[in-house]
Amino acid sequence: MTTHLLRSRTAVADPAHQAFVLLRTVFTVAPIAFGLDKFANWLTDWSAYLAPWIDDLVPGTAQQAMYAVGVVEVLAGVVVAVAPRFGGWLVAAWLGGIIVNLLSIPGYYDVALRDFGLLVAAVALARLAVRYAPGHGDVGPDA
């Protein structure tokens, strides 16, 4: 019992563990919140962020495409919460797609650059999860 408590205190004091917890929390909450907002458009008119060439590829309207995007983002947030080793890579790949979309719309390069920073943070989450959220059968530092 004492050994478990000592390891728990050590993990809480570990800066890398703190970074993992922060990234996992943010990449759970933010995709869910932004995904839900795709249905409400409280923060912005999300359909304005859809490149015309992508709007031409997908069936329906741009707003209907944003509904699908919202569902994917909510699911990505849930995956990060339950399986951050996979969820971090999932969010990074999704952000890669968003970046390609934004780079094809003049005037959105600053948002694409911000999303690149988020992509790097999602990769960091996935890498930290190898240590702090080991998969089934893995031997982590606290196993």
Protein backbone atom coordinates (compact mmCIF):
# COMPACT_ATOMS: atom_id res chain seq x y z
CA MET A 1 0.00 0.00 0.00
CA THR A 2 2.77 2.45 0.92
CA THR A 3 4.63 1.68 -2.32
CA HIS A 4 1.49 2.42 -4.37
CA LEU A 5 0.97 5.76 -2.57
CA LEU A 6 4.61 6.68 -3.07
CA ARG A 7 4.37 5.92 -6.81
CA SER A 8 1.13 7.95 -7.04
CA ARG A 9 2.76 10.99 -5.38
CA THR A 10 5.79 10.62 -7.60
CA ALA A 11 3.59 10.51 -10.72
CA VAL A 12 1.69 13.63 -9.62
CA ALA A 13 4.96 15.50 -9.07
CA ASP A 14 6.47 14.34 -12.39
CA PRO A 15 6.38 17.22 -14.94
CA ALA A 16 5.95 14.77 -17.83
CA HIS A 17 2.96 13.18 -16.11
CA GLN A 18 1.49 16.64 -15.51
CA ALA A 19 1.93 17.43 -19.22
CA PHE A 20 0.21 14.15 -20.12
CA VAL A 21 -2.77 14.92 -17.87
CA LEU A 22 -3.08 18.47 -19.25
CA LEU A 23 -2.89 17.31 -22.87
CA ARG A 24 -5.31 14.44 -22.30
CA THR A 25 -7.78 16.79 -20.63
CA VAL A 26 -7.56 19.47 -23.32
CA PHE A 27 -7.75 16.99 -26.20
CA THR A 28 -10.80 15.39 -24.60
CA VAL A 29 -12.73 18.57 -23.76
CA ALA A 30 -11.86 20.77 -26.77
CA PRO A 31 -12.85 18.35 -29.56
CA ILE A 32 -16.09 17.53 -27.77
CA ALA A 33 -16.91 21.21 -27.19
CA PHE A 34 -16.00 22.28 -30.73
CA GLY A 35 -17.75 19.24 -32.17
CA LEU A 36 -20.96 20.09 -30.36
CA ASP A 37 -20.68 23.68 -31.52
CA LYS A 38 -20.75 22.48 -35.14
CA PHE A 39 -24.47 21.93 -34.49
CA ALA A 40 -25.08 25.28 -32.75
CA ASN A 41 -22.64 27.69 -34.44
CA TRP A 42 -22.34 29.75 -31.26
CA LEU A 43 -18.61 30.37 -31.64
CA THR A 44 -18.58 30.99 -35.39
CA ASP A 45 -20.16 30.02 -38.68
CA TRP A 46 -18.19 26.81 -39.10
CA SER A 47 -19.27 26.27 -42.69
CA ALA A 48 -17.11 29.28 -43.67
CA TYR A 49 -14.07 27.16 -42.75
CA LEU A 50 -14.87 24.49 -45.33
CA ALA A 51 -12.81 24.84 -48.51
CA PRO A 52 -15.00 25.12 -51.62
CA TRP A 53 -13.29 22.13 -53.28
CA ILE A 54 -14.13 19.96 -50.28
CA ASP A 55 -17.69 21.28 -50.22
CA ASP A 56 -17.93 20.21 -53.88
CA LEU A 57 -16.70 16.70 -52.99
CA VAL A 58 -18.99 15.92 -50.10
CA PRO A 59 -22.72 15.41 -50.53
CA GLY A 60 -25.13 17.98 -49.09
CA THR A 61 -24.51 21.50 -47.94
CA ALA A 62 -21.49 22.89 -46.14
CA GLN A 63 -23.51 23.00 -42.92
CA GLN A 64 -24.41 19.33 -43.29
CA ALA A 65 -20.72 18.58 -43.76
CA MET A 66 -20.05 20.45 -40.52
CA TYR A 67 -22.56 18.20 -38.76
CA ALA A 68 -20.48 15.20 -39.85
CA VAL A 69 -17.31 17.00 -38.74
CA GLY A 70 -18.93 17.65 -35.37
CA VAL A 71 -19.73 13.97 -34.89
CA VAL A 72 -16.15 12.99 -35.74
CA GLU A 73 -14.76 15.59 -33.33
CA VAL A 74 -16.97 14.44 -30.46
CA LEU A 75 -15.93 10.83 -31.10
CA ALA A 76 -12.26 11.85 -31.26
CA GLY A 77 -12.57 13.54 -27.86
CA VAL A 78 -14.12 10.42 -26.37
CA VAL A 79 -11.36 8.24 -27.86
CA VAL A 80 -8.71 10.49 -26.31
CA ALA A 81 -10.43 10.10 -22.93
CA VAL A 82 -10.53 6.30 -23.03
CA ALA A 83 -7.51 5.44 -25.21
CA PRO A 84 -5.06 8.35 -25.40
CA ARG A 85 -2.34 6.27 -27.08
CA PHE A 86 -4.61 5.92 -30.12
CA GLY A 87 -6.65 9.08 -29.58
CA GLY A 88 -3.63 11.35 -29.76
CA TRP A 89 -2.75 9.99 -33.20
CA LEU A 90 -6.40 10.19 -34.28
CA VAL A 91 -6.62 13.86 -33.32
CA ALA A 92 -3.26 14.57 -34.99
CA ALA A 93 -4.48 12.99 -38.24
CA TRP A 94 -7.76 14.90 -38.04
CA LEU A 95 -5.85 18.16 -37.50
CA GLY A 96 -3.69 17.29 -40.52
CA GLY A 97 -6.85 17.14 -42.62
CA ILE A 98 -8.06 20.42 -41.18
CA ILE A 99 -4.71 22.03 -42.02
CA VAL A 100 -4.90 20.87 -45.65
CA ASN A 101 -8.43 22.26 -45.83
CA LEU A 102 -7.39 25.63 -44.31
CA LEU A 103 -4.29 26.02 -46.49
CA SER A 104 -6.54 25.86 -49.53
CA ILE A 105 -8.61 28.86 -48.36
CA PRO A 106 -6.90 32.26 -48.73
CA GLY A 107 -6.87 34.17 -45.47
CA TYR A 108 -6.87 31.16 -43.14
CA TYR A 109 -3.13 30.49 -43.03
CA ASP A 110 -2.85 31.79 -39.46
CA VAL A 111 -5.49 29.32 -38.31
CA ALA A 112 -3.67 26.53 -40.17
CA LEU A 113 -0.45 27.46 -38.35
CA ARG A 114 -2.25 27.37 -34.99
CA ASP A 115 -3.69 23.98 -35.87
CA PHE A 116 -0.19 22.74 -36.72
CA GLY A 117 0.82 23.60 -33.16
CA LEU A 118 -2.17 21.62 -31.92
CA LEU A 119 -1.15 18.70 -34.17
CA VAL A 120 2.31 18.67 -32.56
CA ALA A 121 0.69 18.73 -29.11
CA ALA A 122 -1.56 15.79 -30.07
CA VAL A 123 1.52 13.81 -31.15
CA ALA A 124 3.13 14.68 -27.81
CA LEU A 125 0.03 13.33 -26.06
CA ALA A 126 0.22 10.07 -28.01
CA ARG A 127 3.91 9.68 -27.17
CA LEU A 128 3.42 10.50 -23.46
CA ALA A 129 0.51 8.04 -23.34
CA VAL A 130 2.93 5.21 -24.13
CA ARG A 131 4.39 5.76 -20.69
CA TYR A 132 1.45 7.08 -18.67
CA ALA A 133 -1.48 5.17 -20.18
CA PRO A 134 -0.01 1.84 -21.27
CA GLY A 135 -2.20 -0.47 -23.34
CA HIS A 136 -3.41 -3.90 -22.34
CA GLY A 137 -0.51 -6.24 -21.74
CA ASP A 138 2.06 -3.41 -21.63
CA VAL A 139 4.32 -2.98 -18.68
CA GLY A 140 4.31 0.67 -17.67
CA PRO A 141 6.31 2.41 -14.95
CA ASP A 142 3.58 1.81 -12.39
CA ALA A 143 2.75 -1.78 -13.35
